[in-house]
PDB file of N, CA and C in Angstrom:
ATOM      1  N   MET A   1    -180.734-220.686  31.164  1.00  0.00           N
ATOM      2  CA  MET A   1    -180.659-222.025  31.730  1.00  0.00           C
ATOM      3  C   MET A   1    -180.387-223.071  30.648  1.00  0.00           C
ATOM      4  N   ALA A   2    -181.019-222.893  29.487  1.00  0.00           N
ATOM      5  CA  ALA A   2    -180.822-223.860  28.402  1.00  0.00           C
ATOM      6  C   ALA A   2    -179.381-223.825  27.892  1.00  0.00           C
ATOM      7  N   ASP A   3    -178.783-222.625  27.846  1.00  0.00           N
ATOM      8  CA  ASP A   3    -177.390-222.528  27.395  1.00  0.00           C
ATOM      9  C   ASP A   3    -176.450-223.253  28.341  1.00  0.00           C
ATOM     10  N   ILE A   4    -176.732-223.217  29.621  1.00  0.00           N
ATOM     11  CA  ILE A   4    -175.882-223.916  30.599  1.00  0.00           C
ATOM     12  C   ILE A   4    -175.933-225.424  30.340  1.00  0.00           C
ATOM     13  N   LEU A   5    -177.119-225.940  30.082  1.00  0.00           N
ATOM     14  CA  LEU A   5    -177.242-227.369  29.764  1.00  0.00           C
ATOM     15  C   LEU A   5    -176.498-227.713  28.481  1.00  0.00           C
ATOM     16  N   ARG A   6    -176.610-226.861  27.481  1.00  0.00           N
ATOM     17  CA  ARG A   6    -175.896-227.113  26.221  1.00  0.00           C
ATOM     18  C   ARG A   6    -174.389-227.101  26.428  1.00  0.00           C
ATOM     19  N   ILE A   7    -173.895-226.198  27.252  1.00  0.00           N
ATOM     20  CA  ILE A   7    -172.453-226.137  27.511  1.00  0.00           C
ATOM     21  C   ILE A   7    -171.996-227.371  28.279  1.00  0.00           C
ATOM     22  N   ILE A   8    -172.806-227.844  29.216  1.00  0.00           N
ATOM     23  CA  ILE A   8    -172.468-229.081  29.938  1.00  0.00           C
ATOM     24  C   ILE A   8    -172.395-230.244  28.957  1.00  0.00           C
ATOM     25  N   PHE A   9    -173.389-230.347  28.056  1.00  0.00           N
ATOM     26  CA  PHE A   9    -173.348-231.390  27.024  1.00  0.00           C
ATOM     27  C   PHE A   9    -172.131-231.212  26.130  1.00  0.00           C
ATOM     28  N   ALA A  10    -171.774-229.957  25.812  1.00  0.00           N
ATOM     29  CA  ALA A  10    -170.629-229.689  24.953  1.00  0.00           C
ATOM     30  C   ALA A  10    -169.325-230.146  25.589  1.00  0.00           C
ATOM     31  N   ILE A  11    -169.242-230.088  26.894  1.00  0.00           N
ATOM     32  CA  ILE A  11    -168.023-230.545  27.580  1.00  0.00           C
ATOM     33  C   ILE A  11    -167.983-232.068  27.656  1.00  0.00           C
ATOM     34  N   ILE A  12    -169.131-232.682  27.918  1.00  0.00           N
ATOM     35  CA  ILE A  12    -169.176-234.143  28.046  1.00  0.00           C
ATOM     36  C   ILE A  12    -169.103-234.821  26.680  1.00  0.00           C
ATOM     37  N   LEU A  13    -169.948-234.373  25.747  1.00  0.00           N
ATOM     38  CA  LEU A  13    -170.000-234.945  24.406  1.00  0.00           C
ATOM     39  C   LEU A  13    -170.285-233.816  23.421  1.00  0.00           C
ATOM     40  N   PRO A  14    -169.234-233.203  22.882  1.00  0.00           N
ATOM     41  CA  PRO A  14    -169.379-231.986  22.080  1.00  0.00           C
ATOM     42  C   PRO A  14    -170.407-232.036  20.942  1.00  0.00           C
ATOM     43  N   PRO A  15    -170.485-233.116  20.152  1.00  0.00           N
ATOM     44  CA  PRO A  15    -171.479-233.097  19.073  1.00  0.00           C
ATOM     45  C   PRO A  15    -172.926-232.981  19.571  1.00  0.00           C
ATOM     46  N   VAL A  16    -173.203-233.489  20.748  1.00  0.00           N
ATOM     47  CA  VAL A  16    -174.557-233.378  21.298  1.00  0.00           C
ATOM     48  C   VAL A  16    -174.878-231.918  21.615  1.00  0.00           C
ATOM     49  N   GLY A  17    -173.925-231.202  22.173  1.00  0.00           N
ATOM     50  CA  GLY A  17    -174.135-229.790  22.459  1.00  0.00           C
ATOM     51  C   GLY A  17    -174.395-228.989  21.194  1.00  0.00           C
ATOM     52  N   VAL A  18    -173.657-229.283  20.132  1.00  0.00           N
ATOM     53  CA  VAL A  18    -173.863-228.587  18.854  1.00  0.00           C
ATOM     54  C   VAL A  18    -175.210-228.986  18.256  1.00  0.00           C
ATOM     55  N   PHE A  19    -175.551-230.258  18.340  1.00  0.00           N
ATOM     56  CA  PHE A  19    -176.840-230.713  17.823  1.00  0.00           C
ATOM     57  C   PHE A  19    -178.001-230.013  18.510  1.00  0.00           C
ATOM     58  N   LEU A  20    -177.921-229.861  19.819  1.00  0.00           N
ATOM     59  CA  LEU A  20    -178.987-229.179  20.551  1.00  0.00           C
ATOM     60  C   LEU A  20    -179.094-227.709  20.166  1.00  0.00           C
ATOM     61  N   GLN A  21    -177.996-227.118  19.734  1.00  0.00           N
ATOM     62  CA  GLN A  21    -177.994-225.700  19.360  1.00  0.00           C
ATOM     63  C   GLN A  21    -178.462-225.486  17.920  1.00  0.00           C
ATOM     64  N   VAL A  22    -177.918-226.249  16.979  1.00  0.00           N
ATOM     65  CA  VAL A  22    -178.170-225.970  15.560  1.00  0.00           C
ATOM     66  C   VAL A  22    -178.769-227.134  14.789  1.00  0.00           C
ATOM     67  N   GLY A  23    -178.904-228.294  15.392  1.00  0.00           N
ATOM     68  CA  GLY A  23    -179.411-229.454  14.661  1.00  0.00           C
ATOM     69  C   GLY A  23    -178.313-230.087  13.825  1.00  0.00           C
ATOM     70  N   ILE A  24    -178.737-230.990  12.932  1.00  0.00           N
ATOM     71  CA  ILE A  24    -177.756-231.658  12.071  1.00  0.00           C
ATOM     72  C   ILE A  24    -177.549-230.786  10.845  1.00  0.00           C
ATOM     73  N   GLY A  25    -176.358-230.290  10.745  1.00  0.00           N
ATOM     74  CA  GLY A  25    -175.999-229.416   9.633  1.00  0.00           C
ATOM     75  C   GLY A  25    -174.494-229.362   9.533  1.00  0.00           C
ATOM     76  N   LYS A  26    -174.014-228.346   8.843  1.00  0.00           N
ATOM     77  CA  LYS A  26    -172.573-228.192   8.618  1.00  0.00           C
ATOM     78  C   LYS A  26    -171.806-228.135   9.931  1.00  0.00           C
ATOM     79  N   ASP A  27    -172.278-227.326  10.894  1.00  0.00           N
ATOM     80  CA  ASP A  27    -171.567-227.183  12.168  1.00  0.00           C
ATOM     81  C   ASP A  27    -171.521-228.489  12.948  1.00  0.00           C
ATOM     82  N   PHE A  28    -172.579-229.274  12.888  1.00  0.00           N
ATOM     83  CA  PHE A  28    -172.590-230.569  13.577  1.00  0.00           C
ATOM     84  C   PHE A  28    -171.512-231.485  13.017  1.00  0.00           C
ATOM     85  N   TRP A  29    -171.440-231.584  11.680  1.00  0.00           N
ATOM     86  CA  TRP A  29    -170.463-232.488  11.067  1.00  0.00           C
ATOM     87  C   TRP A  29    -169.029-232.018  11.287  1.00  0.00           C
ATOM     88  N   ILE A  30    -168.817-230.714  11.255  1.00  0.00           N
ATOM     89  CA  ILE A  30    -167.485-230.183  11.559  1.00  0.00           C
ATOM     90  C   ILE A  30    -167.103-230.537  12.986  1.00  0.00           C
ATOM     91  N   ASN A  31    -168.046-230.382  13.908  1.00  0.00           N
ATOM     92  CA  ASN A  31    -167.757-230.691  15.304  1.00  0.00           C
ATOM     93  C   ASN A  31    -167.502-232.175  15.508  1.00  0.00           C
ATOM     94  N   LEU A  32    -168.262-233.015  14.835  1.00  0.00           N
ATOM     95  CA  LEU A  32    -168.042-234.454  14.950  1.00  0.00           C
ATOM     96  C   LEU A  32    -166.635-234.819  14.477  1.00  0.00           C
ATOM     97  N   LEU A  33    -166.212-234.243  13.360  1.00  0.00           N
ATOM     98  CA  LEU A  33    -164.864-234.492  12.849  1.00  0.00           C
ATOM     99  C   LEU A  33    -163.797-233.987  13.822  1.00  0.00           C
ATOM    100  N   LEU A  34    -163.987-232.779  14.353  1.00  0.00           N
ATOM    101  CA  LEU A  34    -163.024-232.238  15.317  1.00  0.00           C
ATOM    102  C   LEU A  34    -162.953-233.091  16.576  1.00  0.00           C
ATOM    103  N   THR A  35    -164.091-233.606  17.024  1.00  0.00           N
ATOM    104  CA  THR A  35    -164.112-234.443  18.223  1.00  0.00           C
ATOM    105  C   THR A  35    -163.398-235.762  17.975  1.00  0.00           C
ATOM    106  N   ILE A  36    -163.569-236.314  16.791  1.00  0.00           N
ATOM    107  CA  ILE A  36    -162.877-237.566  16.454  1.00  0.00           C
ATOM    108  C   ILE A  36    -161.371-237.342  16.379  1.00  0.00           C
ATOM    109  N   LEU A  37    -160.971-236.221  15.784  1.00  0.00           N
ATOM    110  CA  LEU A  37    -159.541-235.938  15.634  1.00  0.00           C
ATOM    111  C   LEU A  37    -158.875-235.519  16.935  1.00  0.00           C
ATOM    112  N   GLY A  38    -159.632-234.904  17.812  1.00  0.00           N
ATOM    113  CA  GLY A  38    -159.095-234.468  19.098  1.00  0.00           C
ATOM    114  C   GLY A  38    -160.220-233.943  19.962  1.00  0.00           C
ATOM    115  N   TYR A  39    -160.330-234.459  21.140  1.00  0.00           N
ATOM    116  CA  TYR A  39    -161.454-234.130  22.010  1.00  0.00           C
ATOM    117  C   TYR A  39    -161.510-232.633  22.340  1.00  0.00           C
ATOM    118  N   ILE A  40    -160.378-232.029  22.640  1.00  0.00           N
ATOM    119  CA  ILE A  40    -160.331-230.613  23.040  1.00  0.00           C
ATOM    120  C   ILE A  40    -160.790-229.692  21.906  1.00  0.00           C
ATOM    121  N   PRO A  41    -160.331-229.879  20.666  1.00  0.00           N
ATOM    122  CA  PRO A  41    -160.862-229.015  19.592  1.00  0.00           C
ATOM    123  C   PRO A  41    -162.379-229.134  19.435  1.00  0.00           C
ATOM    124  N   GLY A  42    -162.916-230.312  19.664  1.00  0.00           N
ATOM    125  CA  GLY A  42    -164.363-230.501  19.604  1.00  0.00           C
ATOM    126  C   GLY A  42    -165.080-229.702  20.678  1.00  0.00           C
ATOM    127  N   ILE A  43    -164.518-229.676  21.877  1.00  0.00           N
ATOM    128  CA  ILE A  43    -165.113-228.909  22.976  1.00  0.00           C
ATOM    129  C   ILE A  43    -165.057-227.415  22.676  1.00  0.00           C
ATOM    130  N   VAL A  44    -163.911-226.947  22.209  1.00  0.00           N
ATOM    131  CA  VAL A  44    -163.754-225.522  21.908  1.00  0.00           C
ATOM    132  C   VAL A  44    -164.748-225.098  20.826  1.00  0.00           C
ATOM    133  N   HIS A  45    -164.859-225.880  19.782  1.00  0.00           N
ATOM    134  CA  HIS A  45    -165.790-225.556  18.694  1.00  0.00           C
ATOM    135  C   HIS A  45    -167.236-225.571  19.199  1.00  0.00           C
ATOM    136  N   ALA A  46    -167.593-226.550  20.000  1.00  0.00           N
ATOM    137  CA  ALA A  46    -168.967-226.645  20.507  1.00  0.00           C
ATOM    138  C   ALA A  46    -169.315-225.454  21.389  1.00  0.00           C
ATOM    139  N   VAL A  47    -168.427-225.082  22.289  1.00  0.00           N
ATOM    140  CA  VAL A  47    -168.688-223.931  23.164  1.00  0.00           C
ATOM    141  C   VAL A  47    -168.776-222.658  22.327  1.00  0.00           C
ATOM    142  N   TRP A  48    -167.945-222.539  21.301  1.00  0.00           N
ATOM    143  CA  TRP A  48    -167.986-221.366  20.432  1.00  0.00           C
ATOM    144  C   TRP A  48    -169.322-221.282  19.693  1.00  0.00           C
ATOM    145  N   ILE A  49    -169.797-222.407  19.171  1.00  0.00           N
ATOM    146  CA  ILE A  49    -171.084-222.440  18.465  1.00  0.00           C
ATOM    147  C   ILE A  49    -172.221-222.035  19.410  1.00  0.00           C
ATOM    148  N   ILE A  50    -172.192-222.528  20.630  1.00  0.00           N
ATOM    149  CA  ILE A  50    -173.246-222.223  21.598  1.00  0.00           C
ATOM    150  C   ILE A  50    -173.165-220.755  22.033  1.00  0.00           C
ATOM    151  N   ALA A  51    -171.965-220.253  22.238  1.00  0.00           N
ATOM    152  CA  ALA A  51    -171.800-218.882  22.739  1.00  0.00           C
ATOM    153  C   ALA A  51    -172.076-217.810  21.693  1.00  0.00           C
ATOM    154  N   ARG A  52    -171.925-218.113  20.408  1.00  0.00           N
ATOM    155  CA  ARG A  52    -172.066-217.081  19.390  1.00  0.00           C
ATOM    156  C   ARG A  52    -173.508-216.717  19.049  1.00  0.00           C
ATOM    157  N   LYS A  53    -174.461-217.478  19.533  1.00  0.00           N
ATOM    158  CA  LYS A  53    -175.873-217.208  19.149  1.00  0.00           C
ATOM    159  C   LYS A  53    -176.415-215.926  19.671  1.00  0.00           C
TER     160      LYS A  53
END
């Protein structure tokens, strides 16, 4: 159930989904940069981070 919420957050606001999964760290900052550069790459990265656990 928690993963579903994280994926929903990852689609709406990708850095929040990554933050909920791993906190503020390397993956969060990479995702923030990807989201700024392009929304879709941010979503893909966030879902990948959440799914790989």
